[in-house]
Protein backbone atom coordinates (compact mmCIF):
# COMPACT_ATOMS: atom_id res chain seq x y z
CA MET A 1 7.27 27.76 -1.57
CA GLY A 2 9.63 27.05 -3.96
CA GLU A 3 7.74 25.11 -6.81
CA LEU A 4 4.81 24.35 -8.32
CA TYR A 5 4.16 21.51 -10.08
CA LEU A 6 0.57 21.53 -11.42
CA GLN A 7 1.45 19.47 -14.67
CA GLY A 8 -0.79 17.10 -16.29
CA ASN A 9 -4.55 17.43 -14.43
CA LEU A 10 -6.75 18.57 -16.82
CA PHE A 11 -7.23 22.40 -15.57
CA ASP A 12 -9.29 24.30 -17.38
CA GLY A 13 -9.15 27.89 -17.52
CA ALA A 14 -6.67 30.97 -17.18
CA ILE A 15 -3.39 30.28 -15.28
CA PRO A 16 -4.55 31.72 -11.49
CA ASP A 17 -3.21 34.69 -9.63
CA ILE A 18 -0.13 33.51 -8.40
CA ARG A 19 1.74 36.68 -8.47
CA GLY A 20 2.29 36.82 -4.45
CA LEU A 21 4.97 33.46 -5.60
CA VAL A 22 7.73 36.46 -5.79
CA ASP A 23 10.45 33.94 -4.19
CA ILE A 24 8.98 30.59 -6.09
CA LYS A 25 11.79 29.03 -8.04
CA GLU A 26 10.07 26.27 -10.33
CA ILE A 27 5.93 26.08 -11.94
CA ASP A 28 4.98 23.60 -14.41
CA PHE A 29 1.96 24.19 -15.89
CA SER A 30 2.48 22.08 -18.81
CA ASN A 31 -0.11 19.57 -20.34
CA ASN A 32 -3.24 20.90 -19.47
CA ASN A 33 -6.13 22.63 -20.77
CA LEU A 34 -5.17 26.36 -19.89
CA PHE A 35 -6.01 29.13 -22.17
CA GLY A 36 -5.54 32.65 -22.20
CA VAL A 37 -2.48 34.90 -22.40
CA ILE A 38 0.63 34.31 -20.08
CA PRO A 39 0.92 36.78 -17.59
CA GLY A 40 3.48 39.62 -17.73
CA TYR A 41 4.15 39.35 -14.33
CA LEU A 42 5.89 36.00 -14.23
CA ALA A 43 9.03 37.60 -16.08
CA ASN A 44 9.32 39.71 -12.89
CA PHE A 45 9.70 36.57 -10.66
CA SER A 46 13.12 37.41 -10.06
CA LYS A 47 14.07 33.92 -8.52
CA LEU A 48 12.60 31.43 -10.79
CA GLN A 49 15.04 29.16 -12.34
CA TYR A 50 12.05 26.57 -14.66
CA LEU A 51 9.41 27.99 -16.08
CA ASN A 52 6.94 25.22 -18.49
CA LEU A 53 3.58 25.70 -20.04
CA SER A 54 4.08 23.62 -23.04
CA ILE A 55 0.94 21.94 -24.40
CA ASN A 56 -1.77 24.31 -23.35
CA ASN A 57 -4.43 26.89 -25.18
CA PHE A 58 -2.33 29.95 -24.15
CA GLU A 59 -2.77 32.53 -27.24
CA GLY A 60 -1.15 35.99 -27.52
CA ARG A 61 2.43 37.35 -27.22
CA VAL A 62 4.92 35.94 -25.38
CA PRO A 63 6.97 38.39 -23.49
CA THR A 64 10.13 38.99 -24.33
CA GLU A 65 11.80 40.65 -21.56
CA GLY A 66 12.95 39.49 -17.96
CA LYS A 67 12.68 36.09 -17.43
CA PHE A 68 11.33 35.48 -21.08
CA GLN A 69 15.06 36.61 -22.34
CA ASN A 70 16.30 33.10 -21.16
CA ALA A 71 14.97 29.89 -23.68
CA SER A 72 16.87 27.81 -21.53
CA LEU A 73 14.50 28.69 -18.85
CA VAL A 74 11.01 29.13 -20.24
CA SER A 75 9.17 26.32 -22.64
CA VAL A 76 5.77 26.73 -24.24
CA PHE A 77 6.06 24.58 -27.25
CA GLY A 78 2.74 22.88 -28.08
CA ASN A 79 0.21 25.99 -27.74
CA LYS A 80 -0.39 26.88 -31.41
CA ASP A 81 -1.63 30.25 -31.05
CA LEU A 82 1.26 31.86 -29.34
CA CYS A 83 3.13 33.63 -31.36
CA GLY A 84 6.23 36.42 -30.68
CA GLY A 85 8.99 35.79 -27.79
CA ILE A 86 12.61 35.87 -28.38
CA ARG A 87 14.01 34.18 -31.61
CA GLU A 88 15.40 30.87 -29.90
CA LEU A 89 11.88 30.14 -28.59
CA GLN A 90 10.89 29.60 -32.90
CA LEU A 91 7.55 30.99 -32.35
CA LYS A 92 5.37 32.53 -35.62
CA PRO A 93 5.43 36.40 -35.98
CA CYS A 94 2.43 38.14 -34.30
CA SER A 95 0.53 39.72 -36.88
CA ARG A 96 -0.55 43.64 -35.87
CA GLN A 97 -4.00 42.54 -36.00
CA GLU A 98 -3.18 40.08 -33.05
CA PRO A 99 -5.01 41.56 -29.99
CA PRO A 100 -2.11 42.28 -26.81
CA MET A 101 -4.75 40.26 -24.51
CA GLY A 102 -5.84 37.42 -27.04
CA ARG A 103 -8.71 36.06 -27.33
CA LYS A 104 -11.67 36.31 -25.00
CA HIS A 105 -13.21 33.13 -24.20
CA SER A 106 -16.96 33.34 -23.67
CA SER A 107 -17.49 29.33 -23.26
CA LEU A 108 -15.65 29.66 -19.61
CA SER A 109 -17.61 27.06 -17.19
CA ARG A 110 -18.45 28.23 -13.94
CA LYS A 111 -17.10 24.55 -12.45
CA ALA A 112 -13.95 24.86 -14.50
CA VAL A 113 -13.32 28.57 -13.03
CA ILE A 114 -14.09 26.79 -9.44
CA TRP A 115 -11.24 23.77 -9.96
CA VAL A 116 -8.66 26.18 -11.49
CA SER A 117 -8.64 28.82 -8.46
CA ILE A 118 -9.34 26.42 -5.38
CA SER A 119 -6.86 27.62 -2.67
CA TYR A 120 -5.62 26.63 0.24
CA GLY A 121 -8.37 29.12 2.04
CA ASP A 122 -11.20 27.68 0.11
CA LEU A 123 -10.04 24.07 1.68
CA GLN A 124 -9.79 25.17 4.82
CA ASN A 125 -13.46 26.50 5.03
CA ALA A 126 -14.76 23.44 3.58
CA THR A 127 -12.94 21.26 6.02
CA ASP A 128 -14.12 23.82 8.58
CA GLY A 129 -10.63 24.47 9.69
CA PHE A 130 -9.35 20.55 8.71
CA SER A 131 -11.29 19.37 11.65
CA SER A 132 -11.35 16.11 13.29
CA SER A 133 -15.20 15.68 12.67
CA ASN A 134 -13.73 15.58 8.77
CA LEU A 135 -10.98 13.32 9.27
CA ILE A 136 -11.78 9.93 6.75
CA GLY A 137 -8.59 8.55 7.00
CA SER A 138 -5.31 8.71 6.75
CA GLY A 139 -2.37 6.96 4.19
CA SER A 140 1.26 7.47 4.10
CA PHE A 141 2.23 10.79 2.94
CA GLY A 142 -0.96 12.26 3.81
CA THR A 143 -4.18 12.83 5.74
CA VAL A 144 -7.81 12.93 4.05
CA PHE A 145 -10.91 15.12 4.77
CA LYS A 146 -14.57 14.80 4.07
CA ALA A 147 -15.48 18.83 2.61
CA LEU A 148 -17.95 20.46 0.97
CA LEU A 149 -17.41 23.22 -1.41
CA PRO A 150 -20.54 25.19 -0.77
CA VAL A 151 -20.05 26.91 -4.67
CA GLU A 152 -21.55 24.03 -6.03
CA ASN A 153 -22.78 22.40 -2.67
CA LYS A 154 -19.84 19.45 -3.51
CA VAL A 155 -19.37 16.83 -1.18
CA VAL A 156 -15.57 15.51 -1.73
CA ALA A 157 -12.53 14.14 -0.36
CA VAL A 158 -9.66 15.58 0.46
CA LYS A 159 -5.96 14.24 0.39
CA VAL A 160 -3.50 16.99 2.37
CA LEU A 161 -0.22 15.60 1.77
CA ASN A 162 2.45 15.87 4.91
CA MET A 163 5.14 18.33 3.59
CA GLU A 164 7.17 17.09 6.60
CA ARG A 165 7.42 13.44 5.40
CA ARG A 166 10.04 12.41 2.68
CA GLY A 167 9.02 11.91 -0.60
CA ALA A 168 5.65 13.53 -0.19
CA LYS A 169 6.06 15.79 -2.73
CA LYS A 170 7.35 13.33 -5.28
CA SER A 171 3.85 11.39 -3.60
CA PHE A 172 1.33 14.35 -5.22
CA MET A 173 3.68 14.25 -8.15
CA ALA A 174 3.53 10.73 -9.33
CA GLU A 175 -0.65 11.11 -8.04
CA CYS A 176 -0.96 14.11 -10.52
CA GLU A 177 0.88 12.24 -13.53
CA SER A 178 -0.59 8.89 -12.84
CA LEU A 179 -4.26 10.00 -13.63
CA LYS A 180 -3.76 13.19 -15.88
CA ASP A 181 -5.31 11.19 -18.58
CA ILE A 182 -6.70 7.88 -17.15
CA ARG A 183 -10.50 7.61 -16.98
CA HIS A 184 -11.95 4.63 -15.74
CA ARG A 185 -15.30 4.02 -13.89
CA ASN A 186 -13.53 2.03 -11.35
CA LEU A 187 -10.66 4.73 -10.35
CA VAL A 188 -11.07 7.75 -7.82
CA LYS A 189 -12.18 10.41 -10.02
CA LEU A 190 -9.63 13.09 -9.46
CA LEU A 191 -11.05 16.73 -9.50
CA THR A 192 -8.12 19.18 -9.23
CA ALA A 193 -4.78 19.65 -6.93
CA CYS A 194 -4.07 22.40 -4.44
CA SER A 195 -0.31 23.66 -4.35
CA SER A 196 0.07 26.75 -2.24
CA ILE A 197 0.96 28.15 0.98
CA ASP A 198 -1.04 28.05 4.32
CA PHE A 199 -1.48 31.31 6.93
CA GLN A 200 1.86 30.42 8.46
CA GLY A 201 3.62 30.64 5.08
CA ASN A 202 4.19 26.99 4.92
CA GLU A 203 4.21 25.08 1.64
CA PHE A 204 0.61 23.35 1.37
CA ARG A 205 -0.38 20.64 -1.58
CA ALA A 206 -3.41 18.87 -1.80
CA LEU A 207 -5.30 16.23 -3.72
CA ILE A 208 -9.40 16.79 -4.15
CA TYR A 209 -11.35 13.52 -5.41
CA ASP A 210 -15.01 12.12 -5.65
CA PHE A 211 -15.88 11.41 -1.87
CA MET A 212 -16.50 7.96 -1.58
CA PRO A 213 -19.61 7.43 1.06
CA ASN A 214 -19.15 4.03 1.87
CA GLY A 215 -15.69 4.00 2.97
CA SER A 216 -12.79 2.25 2.29
CA LEU A 217 -13.13 -1.99 1.53
CA ASP A 218 -10.53 -1.84 4.59
CA MET A 219 -13.22 -0.89 6.87
CA TRP A 220 -15.55 -3.51 5.89
CA LEU A 221 -13.23 -6.38 6.46
CA HIS A 222 -11.64 -5.25 9.53
CA PRO A 223 -14.62 -3.73 10.96
CA GLU A 224 -13.37 -4.55 14.47
CA GLU A 225 -10.46 -2.25 13.91
CA ILE A 226 -12.52 0.76 13.78
CA GLU A 227 -14.59 2.86 16.23
CA GLU A 228 -18.19 1.12 16.48
CA ILE A 229 -19.63 4.84 15.11
CA HIS A 230 -17.79 4.21 11.82
CA ARG A 231 -18.07 0.86 11.52
CA PRO A 232 -20.61 -0.71 8.74
CA SER A 233 -23.85 -1.55 9.56
CA ARG A 234 -23.26 -5.23 7.85
CA THR A 235 -21.11 -7.67 6.14
CA LEU A 236 -19.96 -7.59 2.83
CA THR A 237 -21.42 -10.90 1.05
CA LEU A 238 -20.24 -13.21 -1.13
CA HIS A 239 -21.89 -11.46 -4.19
CA GLU A 240 -20.38 -8.09 -3.32
CA ARG A 241 -17.53 -9.71 -2.85
CA LEU A 242 -17.04 -11.33 -6.14
CA ASN A 243 -18.24 -8.24 -7.69
CA ILE A 244 -15.50 -6.05 -5.97
CA ALA A 245 -12.91 -8.30 -6.95
CA VAL A 246 -14.08 -7.97 -10.60
CA ASP A 247 -13.92 -4.31 -10.10
CA VAL A 248 -10.63 -4.47 -8.97
CA ALA A 249 -9.57 -6.25 -11.78
CA PHE A 250 -10.99 -4.47 -14.11
CA VAL A 251 -8.66 -1.38 -13.11
CA LEU A 252 -5.73 -3.01 -13.04
CA ASP A 253 -6.05 -4.65 -16.56
CA TYR A 254 -6.90 -0.78 -17.89
CA LEU A 255 -3.86 0.25 -16.08
CA HIS A 256 -1.82 -2.24 -17.40
CA VAL A 257 -2.94 -2.76 -21.11
CA HIS A 258 -5.67 -0.55 -21.90
CA CYS A 259 -3.62 3.29 -21.10
CA HIS A 260 -1.53 5.45 -23.04
CA GLU A 261 1.12 4.67 -21.00
CA PRO A 262 1.15 1.44 -18.94
CA ILE A 263 0.85 2.30 -15.55
CA ALA A 264 1.51 0.32 -12.32
CA HIS A 265 -0.30 1.27 -9.06
CA CYS A 266 2.20 -0.36 -6.70
CA ASP A 267 -0.19 -0.13 -3.45
CA LEU A 268 -3.04 -1.96 -4.28
CA LYS A 269 -4.61 -2.92 -1.22
CA PRO A 270 -8.05 -2.80 0.71
CA SER A 271 -7.67 0.35 2.40
CA ASN A 272 -6.47 2.07 -1.39
CA VAL A 273 -10.14 0.79 -2.77
CA LEU A 274 -13.22 3.15 -2.07
CA LEU A 275 -16.97 2.19 -1.90
CA ASP A 276 -19.47 4.16 -3.67
CA ASP A 277 -23.32 4.30 -2.78
CA ASP A 278 -23.85 1.33 -4.73
CA LEU A 279 -20.76 -0.58 -3.15
CA THR A 280 -19.00 -0.25 -6.64
CA ALA A 281 -15.05 -0.44 -5.98
CA HIS A 282 -13.12 2.68 -7.18
CA VAL A 283 -9.01 2.31 -6.39
CA SER A 284 -7.46 5.33 -4.95
CA ASP A 285 -4.32 6.18 -3.72
CA PHE A 286 -1.46 6.52 -7.03
CA GLY A 287 1.26 8.32 -4.65
CA LEU A 288 3.52 5.69 -5.61
CA ALA A 289 3.08 4.63 -9.35
CA ARG A 290 5.22 4.47 -12.21
CA LEU A 291 4.17 5.22 -15.47
CA LEU A 292 6.43 2.42 -16.79
CA LEU A 293 7.28 3.68 -19.84
CA LYS A 294 8.28 7.11 -18.62
CA PHE A 295 10.68 6.70 -16.82
CA ASP A 296 14.21 4.53 -17.18
CA ARG A 297 16.30 2.64 -14.85
CA GLU A 298 18.61 5.51 -13.40
CA SER A 299 15.26 7.69 -12.84
CA PHE A 300 13.26 4.48 -11.27
CA LEU A 301 15.84 4.43 -8.19
CA ASN A 302 15.82 7.71 -7.88
CA GLN A 303 12.45 8.17 -7.25
CA LEU A 304 12.18 5.13 -5.09
CA SER A 305 15.15 5.52 -2.70
CA SER A 306 13.50 9.12 -2.25
CA ALA A 307 10.17 7.95 -1.63
CA GLY A 308 10.54 5.61 0.66
CA VAL A 309 9.47 2.14 1.06
CA ARG A 310 7.64 0.81 -2.57
CA GLY A 311 4.35 -0.37 -1.29
CA THR A 312 3.13 -2.17 1.52
CA ILE A 313 4.29 -4.51 4.11
CA GLY A 314 2.51 -8.05 3.02
CA TYR A 315 1.14 -6.68 0.09
CA ALA A 316 4.57 -5.61 -2.28
CA ALA A 317 6.21 -8.08 -4.05
CA PRO A 318 8.87 -10.05 -2.84
CA GLU A 319 11.16 -8.68 -5.93
CA TYR A 320 10.85 -5.49 -4.51
CA GLY A 321 12.77 -6.43 -1.52
CA MET A 322 15.34 -7.74 -3.35
CA GLY A 323 15.79 -4.34 -5.86
CA GLY A 324 13.58 -4.98 -8.73
CA GLN A 325 11.99 -2.42 -10.41
CA PRO A 326 8.29 -1.46 -9.89
CA SER A 327 6.64 -3.42 -12.58
CA ILE A 328 2.37 -4.82 -13.50
CA HIS A 329 3.89 -8.10 -11.99
CA GLY A 330 4.07 -6.87 -8.94
CA ASP A 331 0.51 -5.21 -9.02
CA VAL A 332 -0.72 -8.74 -10.05
CA TYR A 333 1.04 -10.30 -6.67
CA SER A 334 -0.12 -7.31 -4.49
CA PHE A 335 -3.67 -8.21 -5.92
CA GLY A 336 -3.36 -12.06 -5.35
CA VAL A 337 -2.69 -10.98 -1.00
CA PHE A 338 -5.73 -8.63 -1.46
CA LEU A 339 -8.09 -11.61 -3.04
CA LEU A 340 -7.16 -13.90 -0.19
CA GLU A 341 -7.45 -11.49 1.86
CA MET A 342 -10.96 -10.39 1.07
CA PHE A 343 -12.33 -13.66 1.33
CA THR A 344 -10.84 -15.08 4.30
CA GLY A 345 -11.12 -12.00 6.60
CA LYS A 346 -7.16 -12.23 7.62
CA ARG A 347 -4.36 -10.03 6.78
CA PRO A 348 -1.45 -10.45 5.08
CA THR A 349 0.42 -9.59 8.52
CA ASN A 350 -1.89 -11.28 10.95
CA GLU A 351 0.13 -12.51 13.78
CA LEU A 352 -1.14 -15.80 12.71
CA PHE A 353 1.78 -15.61 9.87
CA GLY A 354 5.55 -15.30 10.45
CA GLY A 355 8.65 -16.96 8.33
CA ASN A 356 7.83 -18.79 5.74
CA PHE A 357 4.13 -19.30 7.03
CA THR A 358 2.07 -16.81 4.84
CA LEU A 359 -1.37 -15.99 4.33
CA HIS A 360 -0.28 -18.04 0.48
CA SER A 361 1.02 -20.70 2.04
CA TYR A 362 -1.75 -20.75 4.59
CA ILE A 363 -4.53 -20.92 1.73
CA LYS A 364 -2.45 -23.41 -0.17
CA SER A 365 -2.28 -26.00 2.54
CA ALA A 366 -5.99 -25.63 2.78
CA LEU A 367 -7.05 -26.59 -0.42
CA PRO A 368 -9.36 -28.31 -1.23
CA GLU A 369 -10.47 -30.35 1.70
CA ARG A 370 -10.47 -27.26 4.35
CA VAL A 371 -11.79 -24.26 1.80
CA LEU A 372 -14.62 -23.80 4.82
CA ASP A 373 -12.20 -23.58 7.04
CA ALA A 374 -9.52 -20.88 5.69
CA ALA A 375 -13.03 -18.79 4.77
CA ASP A 376 -14.19 -15.65 6.60
CA GLU A 377 -16.75 -17.11 9.26
CA SER A 378 -18.71 -13.90 8.04
CA ILE A 379 -19.25 -15.25 4.66
CA LEU A 380 -20.70 -18.57 5.76
CA HIS A 381 -23.39 -16.46 8.62
CA ILE A 382 -25.45 -14.40 5.58
CA GLY A 383 -27.67 -17.19 5.10
CA LEU A 384 -25.72 -18.69 1.93
CA ARG A 385 -26.36 -22.75 1.82
CA VAL A 386 -22.79 -24.36 2.70
CA GLY A 387 -22.29 -26.36 0.23
CA PHE A 388 -22.18 -26.43 -3.75
CA PRO A 389 -21.61 -24.03 -4.70
CA ILE A 390 -20.16 -21.91 -2.09
CA VAL A 391 -17.18 -24.66 -1.73
CA VAL A 392 -15.88 -24.73 -5.31
CA CYS A 393 -16.61 -20.99 -5.19
CA LEU A 394 -14.41 -19.71 -2.76
CA LYS A 395 -11.52 -23.13 -3.93
CA LEU A 396 -11.67 -21.39 -7.24
CA VAL A 397 -11.33 -17.62 -5.90
CA PHE A 398 -8.55 -18.83 -3.54
CA GLU A 399 -6.78 -20.45 -6.38
CA VAL A 400 -6.85 -17.63 -9.02
CA GLY A 401 -5.15 -15.58 -5.59
CA LEU A 402 -2.65 -18.44 -4.92
CA ARG A 403 -1.83 -17.91 -9.30
CA CYS A 404 -1.66 -14.68 -8.68
CA SER A 405 0.63 -14.55 -5.94
CA GLU A 406 3.47 -16.83 -6.78
CA GLU A 407 6.75 -15.56 -5.20
CA SER A 408 8.15 -15.74 -9.20
CA PRO A 409 7.02 -12.82 -11.42
CA THR A 410 6.99 -15.14 -14.37
CA ASN A 411 4.87 -17.60 -12.70
CA ARG A 412 2.06 -14.97 -12.49
CA LEU A 413 -1.34 -14.48 -14.22
CA ALA A 414 -1.76 -11.51 -16.08
CA MET A 415 -5.08 -9.09 -15.10
CA SER A 416 -6.74 -9.65 -17.92
CA GLU A 417 -6.59 -13.44 -17.34
CA VAL A 418 -7.56 -12.92 -13.74
CA ALA A 419 -10.56 -10.62 -14.71
CA LYS A 420 -11.96 -13.45 -17.13
CA GLU A 421 -11.38 -16.16 -14.52
CA LEU A 422 -13.21 -14.23 -11.54
CA ILE A 423 -16.11 -13.20 -14.21
CA SER A 424 -16.60 -16.94 -15.40
CA ILE A 425 -16.51 -18.10 -11.40
CA ARG A 426 -18.79 -15.40 -10.93
CA GLU A 427 -21.40 -16.40 -13.21
CA ARG A 428 -20.68 -20.46 -12.48
CA PHE A 429 -21.85 -19.64 -8.78
CA PHE A 430 -24.62 -17.47 -9.83
CA LYS A 431 -25.94 -20.12 -12.69
CA ALA A 432 -25.37 -23.22 -9.66
CA ARG A 433 -27.97 -21.04 -7.09
CA ARG A 434 -30.49 -20.32 -9.21
CA THR A 435 -30.64 -24.02 -10.45
CA THR A 436 -30.90 -25.51 -6.60
CA ARG A 437 -33.08 -23.08 -5.75
CA ARG A 438 -35.66 -24.17 -8.33
């Protein structure tokens, strides 16, 4: 393994023991909550070309031998309790009382130790050897397994990256970078990452998330496409679909406007929306995500050319196919298609569509008279009285989907407007239903 990138993951604790990785060339532990002394053995990694320990809580003396003699190779800024080191690092001198091993932290939690030190062997055991019986999904760059971490008796989802797939490493880094400082109830929580080698000496990387017991929205919308044993026991109600739509709109608005830096997800679709116990939606899979203020045009193009397809056919904005940069407007387009799919039950890649006849144009031609013809039949077969307010509700939802999936980015709604529209539709729908029941 030549590289170890674990920056920006909110890891807490000491650096795990990696002294066995003697052939490693690049190490990045920056922008975490790591503490303790810098391991002296790092100085002896003969092939090391890059070591970034910046923006953590490391303490004590910085080594001055071996690789630490080269300031262009080592970065340690943003650790206010470090001292010593070579002059070029510009650290404060160590006092005579400075303990060579740094202060001890009695507050280190059991949980922190577990996450920081998780290994390939831990994950192999937790998934019963990555058994097919624990397989819960697969995506562009990896396979997802259900796992039980015995120390905490916690069920998690483990996304194992296919390192032979072009762009997998950049996908791993993009996901870690995107999720490092963001917290939202409608995001799948990234618990930690594992960057190691397997028992055959191959590079191994995995991401560990909270487990979502109700699977992906995709399996609820298209149950006929999955094995019967994995199918949901029922269909989603109109109420539940409205709630899920609002959940996803909320989180996209958060990513686009309210994060420390705007983030474009770049691959929104039903298979990347997971459902918890009460069917609350959680957006996942940030392998193609982009921090919009962090990268310039050149770095954008370099990353995209190496990561391959920008999004998924049918959901990706048309400007992406013409070389356009990732943007929040592209996410809005994907959300529009996502919304139309949720309430029609038809994928944008359905055999019904082709050429200029798309899911967008299909809905546009159905409005306003043939709303029910375009709607997912399962919505109409679960006890709702056909007529007002269901017809009005569907019409308004379809209109929002159409406005989001306009071909021109400048004609699309902002996600803040989308969230407000959907909340208003949901409130009007249930207010009307309560009135008609009296």
